[in-house]
N, C-alpha and C. Protein backbone atom coordinates (compact mmCIF):
# COMPACT_ATOMS: atom_id res chain seq x y z
N CYS A 1 125.08 132.15 79.84
CA CYS A 1 126.33 131.68 80.40
C CYS A 1 126.01 130.74 81.62
N ARG A 2 126.75 129.68 81.67
CA ARG A 2 126.42 128.73 82.75
C ARG A 2 127.65 128.25 83.36
N ALA A 3 127.65 128.14 84.64
CA ALA A 3 128.88 127.60 85.34
C ALA A 3 128.31 126.59 86.39
N GLU A 4 129.14 125.53 86.65
CA GLU A 4 128.76 124.55 87.59
C GLU A 4 129.94 124.30 88.52
N PHE A 5 129.68 124.35 89.80
CA PHE A 5 130.74 124.18 90.78
C PHE A 5 130.37 123.13 91.71
N ALA A 6 131.30 122.19 92.06
CA ALA A 6 131.08 121.07 92.89
C ALA A 6 131.87 121.29 94.17
N TYR A 7 131.19 121.35 95.34
CA TYR A 7 131.78 121.46 96.61
C TYR A 7 131.78 120.09 97.42
N GLY A 8 132.73 119.93 98.12
CA GLY A 8 132.70 118.64 98.92
C GLY A 8 133.99 117.82 98.64
N ARG A 9 133.87 116.51 98.99
CA ARG A 9 135.03 115.74 98.87
C ARG A 9 135.37 115.33 97.46
N GLY A 10 136.61 115.32 97.14
CA GLY A 10 137.03 114.88 95.85
C GLY A 10 137.06 113.39 95.77
N HIS A 11 137.32 112.83 94.61
CA HIS A 11 137.28 111.39 94.48
C HIS A 11 138.69 110.84 94.14
N GLY A 12 139.71 111.62 94.40
CA GLY A 12 141.04 111.23 94.05
C GLY A 12 141.82 110.66 95.18
N GLY A 13 141.74 109.36 95.43
CA GLY A 13 142.60 108.73 96.37
C GLY A 13 142.35 109.06 97.77
N GLY A 14 141.26 109.46 98.21
CA GLY A 14 140.88 109.66 99.60
C GLY A 14 141.40 110.97 100.14
N HIS A 15 141.97 111.87 99.34
CA HIS A 15 142.44 113.15 99.86
C HIS A 15 141.28 114.08 100.03
N ASP A 16 141.43 114.96 101.04
CA ASP A 16 140.34 115.93 101.31
C ASP A 16 140.58 117.22 100.48
N ASN A 17 139.72 117.40 99.45
CA ASN A 17 139.90 118.58 98.59
C ASN A 17 138.85 119.63 98.86
N ASN A 18 138.21 119.69 100.00
CA ASN A 18 137.14 120.64 100.33
C ASN A 18 137.63 122.03 100.20
N SER A 19 138.84 122.34 100.74
CA SER A 19 139.35 123.70 100.73
C SER A 19 139.66 124.14 99.32
N ALA A 20 140.25 123.20 98.54
CA ALA A 20 140.49 123.53 97.12
C ALA A 20 139.25 123.83 96.36
N ALA A 21 138.19 123.05 96.59
CA ALA A 21 136.97 123.24 95.94
C ALA A 21 136.31 124.56 96.28
N ILE A 22 136.35 124.98 97.52
CA ILE A 22 135.82 126.31 97.91
C ILE A 22 136.64 127.38 97.28
N ALA A 23 137.98 127.29 97.25
CA ALA A 23 138.75 128.34 96.66
C ALA A 23 138.49 128.40 95.14
N ALA A 24 138.34 127.24 94.41
CA ALA A 24 137.97 127.25 93.06
C ALA A 24 136.60 127.88 92.79
N GLY A 25 135.66 127.64 93.67
CA GLY A 25 134.35 128.22 93.57
C GLY A 25 134.36 129.70 93.73
N VAL A 26 135.10 130.22 94.70
CA VAL A 26 135.27 131.66 94.83
C VAL A 26 135.90 132.30 93.66
N ILE A 27 136.98 131.70 93.16
CA ILE A 27 137.72 132.26 91.96
C ILE A 27 136.79 132.26 90.73
N GLY A 28 135.99 131.19 90.56
CA GLY A 28 135.03 131.10 89.48
C GLY A 28 133.96 132.14 89.55
N ALA A 29 133.46 132.36 90.72
CA ALA A 29 132.45 133.43 90.94
C ALA A 29 132.98 134.80 90.62
N LEU A 30 134.21 135.05 91.01
CA LEU A 30 134.87 136.31 90.74
C LEU A 30 135.05 136.51 89.22
N ALA A 31 135.47 135.43 88.59
CA ALA A 31 135.62 135.51 87.12
C ALA A 31 134.41 135.75 86.39
N LEU A 32 133.24 135.00 86.88
CA LEU A 32 131.92 135.31 86.30
C LEU A 32 131.47 136.70 86.52
N GLY A 33 131.73 137.28 87.67
CA GLY A 33 131.34 138.60 87.97
C GLY A 33 132.09 139.61 87.07
N ALA A 34 133.37 139.40 86.85
CA ALA A 34 134.12 140.26 85.94
C ALA A 34 133.61 140.21 84.50
N ILE A 35 133.15 139.09 84.04
CA ILE A 35 132.61 138.91 82.69
C ILE A 35 131.31 139.64 82.56
N VAL A 36 130.48 139.53 83.55
CA VAL A 36 129.23 140.22 83.53
C VAL A 36 129.37 141.70 83.55
N ALA A 37 130.35 142.17 84.41
CA ALA A 37 130.55 143.60 84.57
C ALA A 37 131.16 144.25 83.29
N ASN A 38 131.95 143.49 82.51
CA ASN A 38 132.56 144.00 81.26
C ASN A 38 132.26 143.02 80.14
N PRO A 39 131.09 143.11 79.48
CA PRO A 39 130.69 142.07 78.51
C PRO A 39 131.61 142.17 77.28
N ASN A 40 132.32 143.24 76.98
CA ASN A 40 133.12 143.36 75.84
C ASN A 40 134.56 143.75 76.21
N PRO A 41 135.26 142.84 76.85
CA PRO A 41 136.69 143.21 77.22
C PRO A 41 137.49 143.44 75.98
N GLY A 42 138.30 144.51 75.98
CA GLY A 42 139.21 144.80 74.87
C GLY A 42 138.54 145.44 73.76
N GLY A 43 137.21 145.57 73.75
CA GLY A 43 136.45 146.10 72.62
C GLY A 43 136.43 147.66 72.80
N PRO A 44 135.87 148.31 71.77
CA PRO A 44 135.84 149.77 71.77
C PRO A 44 134.95 150.26 72.95
N VAL A 45 135.38 151.43 73.51
CA VAL A 45 134.56 152.09 74.56
C VAL A 45 133.92 153.26 73.98
N TYR A 46 132.62 153.29 73.99
CA TYR A 46 131.91 154.41 73.45
C TYR A 46 131.56 155.39 74.42
N PRO A 47 131.67 156.75 74.06
CA PRO A 47 131.36 157.78 75.00
C PRO A 47 129.83 157.79 75.22
N PRO A 48 129.38 158.41 76.26
CA PRO A 48 127.94 158.52 76.44
C PRO A 48 127.40 159.47 75.40
N PRO A 49 126.11 159.30 75.08
CA PRO A 49 125.52 160.17 74.02
C PRO A 49 125.50 161.58 74.52
N PRO A 50 125.63 162.52 73.52
CA PRO A 50 125.60 163.91 73.89
C PRO A 50 124.28 164.35 74.45
N VAL A 51 124.36 165.38 75.24
CA VAL A 51 123.22 166.00 75.95
C VAL A 51 122.79 167.16 74.96
N TYR A 52 121.60 167.07 74.46
CA TYR A 52 121.14 168.10 73.47
C TYR A 52 120.48 169.23 74.24
N PRO A 53 120.62 170.46 73.79
CA PRO A 53 119.82 171.53 74.46
C PRO A 53 118.34 171.37 74.22
N PRO A 54 117.61 171.88 75.18
CA PRO A 54 116.20 171.77 75.06
C PRO A 54 115.72 172.67 73.86
N PRO A 55 114.55 172.30 73.32
CA PRO A 55 114.08 173.06 72.13
C PRO A 55 113.77 174.45 72.61
N PRO A 56 113.82 175.45 71.72
CA PRO A 56 113.56 176.83 72.15
C PRO A 56 112.08 176.95 72.36
N PRO A 57 111.75 177.85 73.28
CA PRO A 57 110.26 178.04 73.53
C PRO A 57 109.54 178.54 72.37
N PRO A 58 108.28 178.17 72.14
CA PRO A 58 107.55 178.61 71.01
C PRO A 58 107.36 180.17 70.99
N ALA A 59 107.40 180.70 69.85
CA ALA A 59 107.19 182.11 69.67
C ALA A 59 105.81 182.54 70.05
N THR A 60 105.62 183.67 70.61
CA THR A 60 104.24 184.14 70.82
C THR A 60 103.62 184.51 69.49
N ALA A 61 102.28 184.41 69.50
CA ALA A 61 101.59 184.77 68.29
C ALA A 61 101.68 186.23 67.95
N VAL A 62 101.58 186.52 66.69
CA VAL A 62 101.67 187.93 66.30
C VAL A 62 100.38 188.63 66.82
N PRO A 63 100.56 189.74 67.56
CA PRO A 63 99.46 190.41 68.13
C PRO A 63 98.57 190.97 67.06
N PRO A 64 97.25 191.01 67.23
CA PRO A 64 96.37 191.51 66.19
C PRO A 64 96.64 192.95 65.80
N TRP A 65 97.12 193.77 66.68
CA TRP A 65 97.34 195.19 66.38
C TRP A 65 98.51 195.33 65.41
N ALA A 66 99.42 194.26 65.26
CA ALA A 66 100.53 194.37 64.45
C ALA A 66 100.27 193.90 63.03
N VAL A 67 99.23 193.14 62.89
CA VAL A 67 98.97 192.54 61.48
C VAL A 67 98.37 193.70 60.63
N GLY A 68 98.88 193.83 59.47
CA GLY A 68 98.30 194.77 58.50
C GLY A 68 99.32 195.53 57.71
N SER A 69 98.93 196.64 57.15
CA SER A 69 99.78 197.44 56.30
C SER A 69 99.84 198.82 56.99
N PHE A 70 101.10 199.40 57.01
CA PHE A 70 101.34 200.72 57.67
C PHE A 70 102.18 201.54 56.73
N ILE A 71 101.97 202.89 56.82
CA ILE A 71 102.73 203.86 56.02
C ILE A 71 103.50 204.76 57.01
N GLY A 72 104.78 204.99 56.66
CA GLY A 72 105.63 205.90 57.44
C GLY A 72 106.58 206.59 56.62
N TYR A 73 107.39 207.52 57.16
CA TYR A 73 108.36 208.31 56.51
C TYR A 73 109.75 207.92 57.00
N ASP A 74 110.58 207.58 56.02
CA ASP A 74 111.98 207.19 56.28
C ASP A 74 112.82 208.38 56.02
N SER A 75 113.26 209.12 57.09
CA SER A 75 114.10 210.29 56.86
C SER A 75 115.47 209.97 56.28
N VAL A 76 115.92 208.78 56.41
CA VAL A 76 117.32 208.47 55.90
C VAL A 76 117.21 208.46 54.36
N VAL A 77 116.16 207.98 53.70
CA VAL A 77 116.11 207.94 52.27
C VAL A 77 115.18 209.02 51.76
N GLY A 78 114.50 209.74 52.64
CA GLY A 78 113.71 210.90 52.29
C GLY A 78 112.41 210.53 51.52
N GLN A 79 111.82 209.43 51.84
CA GLN A 79 110.57 209.03 51.17
C GLN A 79 109.66 208.25 52.08
N GLN A 80 108.38 208.14 51.72
CA GLN A 80 107.41 207.30 52.46
C GLN A 80 107.70 205.82 52.15
N VAL A 81 107.52 204.97 53.17
CA VAL A 81 107.76 203.52 52.96
C VAL A 81 106.47 202.82 53.57
N GLN A 82 106.38 201.56 53.13
CA GLN A 82 105.22 200.74 53.58
C GLN A 82 105.85 199.62 54.37
N LEU A 83 105.20 199.36 55.52
CA LEU A 83 105.51 198.23 56.38
C LEU A 83 104.33 197.26 56.40
N ALA A 84 104.51 196.04 55.89
CA ALA A 84 103.40 195.06 55.89
C ALA A 84 103.87 193.92 56.74
N ILE A 85 102.88 193.52 57.69
CA ILE A 85 103.15 192.49 58.61
C ILE A 85 102.01 191.46 58.47
N GLY A 86 102.33 190.15 58.18
CA GLY A 86 101.41 189.09 58.11
C GLY A 86 101.09 188.48 59.41
N ASN A 87 99.99 187.63 59.50
CA ASN A 87 99.61 187.06 60.68
C ASN A 87 100.51 185.87 61.12
N ARG A 88 101.45 185.43 60.30
CA ARG A 88 102.44 184.43 60.71
C ARG A 88 103.83 185.06 61.07
N GLY A 89 103.84 186.38 60.94
CA GLY A 89 105.09 187.09 61.34
C GLY A 89 106.00 187.55 60.25
N ARG A 90 105.54 187.27 59.04
CA ARG A 90 106.37 187.79 57.92
C ARG A 90 106.28 189.30 57.82
N VAL A 91 107.43 189.99 57.64
CA VAL A 91 107.45 191.43 57.53
C VAL A 91 108.13 191.86 56.30
N PHE A 92 107.50 192.81 55.57
CA PHE A 92 108.11 193.35 54.38
C PHE A 92 108.17 194.91 54.50
N LEU A 93 109.31 195.47 54.10
CA LEU A 93 109.44 196.87 54.07
C LEU A 93 109.59 197.22 52.55
N ARG A 94 108.70 198.07 52.10
CA ARG A 94 108.66 198.44 50.62
C ARG A 94 108.84 199.94 50.50
N ASP A 95 109.57 200.29 49.38
CA ASP A 95 109.69 201.71 49.03
C ASP A 95 108.45 202.21 48.52
N TRP A 96 108.45 203.51 48.08
CA TRP A 96 107.23 204.18 47.55
C TRP A 96 106.76 203.54 46.28
N ASN A 97 107.70 202.92 45.54
CA ASN A 97 107.34 202.26 44.27
C ASN A 97 106.83 200.83 44.41
N GLY A 98 106.81 200.37 45.64
CA GLY A 98 106.31 198.98 45.94
C GLY A 98 107.42 197.94 45.92
N ARG A 99 108.65 198.31 45.65
CA ARG A 99 109.74 197.31 45.70
C ARG A 99 110.09 197.00 47.06
N VAL A 100 110.32 195.60 47.32
CA VAL A 100 110.73 195.14 48.71
C VAL A 100 112.12 195.55 48.88
N VAL A 101 112.40 196.39 49.92
CA VAL A 101 113.76 196.82 50.25
C VAL A 101 114.39 196.07 51.38
N ASN A 102 113.47 195.37 52.16
CA ASN A 102 114.03 194.47 53.25
C ASN A 102 112.82 193.53 53.68
N GLU A 103 113.08 192.45 54.24
CA GLU A 103 112.09 191.50 54.74
C GLU A 103 112.67 190.86 55.98
N GLY A 104 111.78 190.39 56.82
CA GLY A 104 112.17 189.77 58.02
C GLY A 104 111.08 188.94 58.68
N LEU A 105 111.28 188.58 59.84
CA LEU A 105 110.39 187.79 60.73
C LEU A 105 110.17 188.41 62.07
N LEU A 106 108.87 188.59 62.40
CA LEU A 106 108.59 189.22 63.67
C LEU A 106 108.39 188.05 64.69
N ARG A 107 109.09 188.15 65.70
CA ARG A 107 109.07 187.07 66.78
C ARG A 107 109.24 187.79 68.09
N ASP A 108 108.25 187.57 69.04
CA ASP A 108 108.30 188.08 70.36
C ASP A 108 108.64 189.57 70.35
N GLY A 109 108.04 190.35 69.51
CA GLY A 109 108.23 191.86 69.52
C GLY A 109 109.53 192.33 68.85
N VAL A 110 110.27 191.41 68.20
CA VAL A 110 111.51 191.82 67.51
C VAL A 110 111.41 191.36 66.06
N VAL A 111 111.78 192.25 65.21
CA VAL A 111 111.85 191.94 63.76
C VAL A 111 113.34 191.55 63.52
N PHE A 112 113.49 190.30 62.95
CA PHE A 112 114.76 189.86 62.58
C PHE A 112 114.88 190.00 61.10
N TRP A 113 115.62 191.01 60.62
CA TRP A 113 115.65 191.38 59.19
C TRP A 113 116.61 190.40 58.39
N SER A 114 116.38 190.32 57.15
CA SER A 114 117.22 189.37 56.35
C SER A 114 118.59 189.95 56.22
N ASN A 115 118.86 191.24 56.40
CA ASN A 115 120.23 191.82 56.35
C ASN A 115 121.02 191.64 57.65
N GLY A 116 120.40 190.89 58.68
CA GLY A 116 121.09 190.63 59.94
C GLY A 116 120.80 191.65 61.00
N ARG A 117 120.16 192.76 60.71
CA ARG A 117 119.79 193.71 61.75
C ARG A 117 118.52 193.30 62.53
N ARG A 118 118.25 193.98 63.63
CA ARG A 118 117.12 193.70 64.43
C ARG A 118 116.42 195.00 64.77
N SER A 119 115.08 194.95 64.84
CA SER A 119 114.26 196.17 65.25
C SER A 119 113.22 195.70 66.19
N PHE A 120 112.88 196.58 67.13
CA PHE A 120 111.72 196.28 67.98
C PHE A 120 110.44 196.87 67.35
N LEU A 121 109.38 196.24 67.74
CA LEU A 121 108.04 196.72 67.17
C LEU A 121 107.16 196.88 68.33
N ALA A 122 106.54 198.10 68.34
CA ALA A 122 105.63 198.36 69.52
C ALA A 122 104.42 199.07 68.99
N GLN A 123 103.30 198.97 69.66
CA GLN A 123 102.07 199.57 69.31
C GLN A 123 102.08 201.00 69.81
N GLU A 124 101.63 201.95 68.94
CA GLU A 124 101.50 203.33 69.33
C GLU A 124 100.31 203.93 68.70
N ARG A 125 99.37 204.26 69.55
CA ARG A 125 98.01 204.78 69.09
C ARG A 125 97.40 203.81 68.11
N SER A 126 97.11 204.32 66.86
CA SER A 126 96.49 203.48 65.85
C SER A 126 97.61 202.92 64.91
N GLY A 127 98.81 203.08 65.33
CA GLY A 127 99.92 202.51 64.42
C GLY A 127 100.97 201.81 65.19
N VAL A 128 102.14 201.80 64.65
CA VAL A 128 103.26 201.10 65.26
C VAL A 128 104.54 201.95 65.25
N VAL A 129 105.48 201.60 66.13
CA VAL A 129 106.78 202.22 66.13
C VAL A 129 107.70 201.11 65.88
N LEU A 130 108.69 201.35 64.89
CA LEU A 130 109.70 200.39 64.56
C LEU A 130 111.08 201.06 64.92
N GLY A 131 111.81 200.43 65.82
CA GLY A 131 113.06 201.00 66.21
C GLY A 131 114.29 200.14 66.07
N ASP A 132 115.40 200.67 65.72
CA ASP A 132 116.60 199.96 65.61
C ASP A 132 117.09 199.54 66.98
N ILE A 133 117.36 198.30 67.17
CA ILE A 133 118.02 197.87 68.43
C ILE A 133 119.42 198.25 68.54
N GLU A 134 120.14 198.17 67.46
CA GLU A 134 121.57 198.53 67.45
C GLU A 134 121.81 200.09 67.37
N GLY A 135 120.79 200.84 66.92
CA GLY A 135 120.95 202.25 66.80
C GLY A 135 119.85 203.03 67.47
N ALA A 136 119.77 204.29 67.18
CA ALA A 136 118.81 205.21 67.88
C ALA A 136 117.62 205.56 66.89
N ASN A 137 117.60 205.01 65.73
CA ASN A 137 116.51 205.43 64.78
C ASN A 137 115.22 204.79 65.25
N ARG A 138 114.10 205.71 65.13
CA ARG A 138 112.75 205.27 65.49
C ARG A 138 111.90 205.66 64.32
N TYR A 139 111.07 204.76 63.84
CA TYR A 139 110.14 205.08 62.69
C TYR A 139 108.71 204.85 63.11
N ARG A 140 107.85 205.91 62.92
CA ARG A 140 106.50 205.78 63.26
C ARG A 140 105.64 205.51 62.02
N PHE A 141 104.81 204.55 62.12
CA PHE A 141 103.93 204.16 60.97
C PHE A 141 102.40 204.31 61.46
N ARG A 142 101.63 204.75 60.50
CA ARG A 142 100.13 204.75 60.72
C ARG A 142 99.52 203.64 59.85
N ARG A 143 98.43 203.12 60.37
CA ARG A 143 97.82 202.11 59.53
C ARG A 143 97.27 202.70 58.25
N SER A 144 97.49 201.87 57.15
CA SER A 144 97.04 202.39 55.82
C SER A 144 95.77 201.71 55.37
């Protein structure tokens, strides 16, 4: 964008147009400033981009004592069950016949089961304790 302003005496019949030239220059500068400040007058006004939440912190690695296969007794169903925990946090709960009855993901000491429930996992002697977060049930497992 280019603008040219002439200050000084006009050439029209010897009249002094210095004041008019200064006023025109000021008005032109203000108009140019308004154009620069709003490059798209009358156009759409876009909102600022949304602020996204920070990414979740990385999960801690599965502790070595938790990886493996464990056997325990489920008093609710009246049979032994197997708890299998992989080194990437996959957890499987199998009945005595080997059928998977629930599976989940171990993250930061909590098992997030596929049925929506959660359990804590803690080391106990040579095994683990699995406890319902929503309830009072605790299950003790020994390494198999």
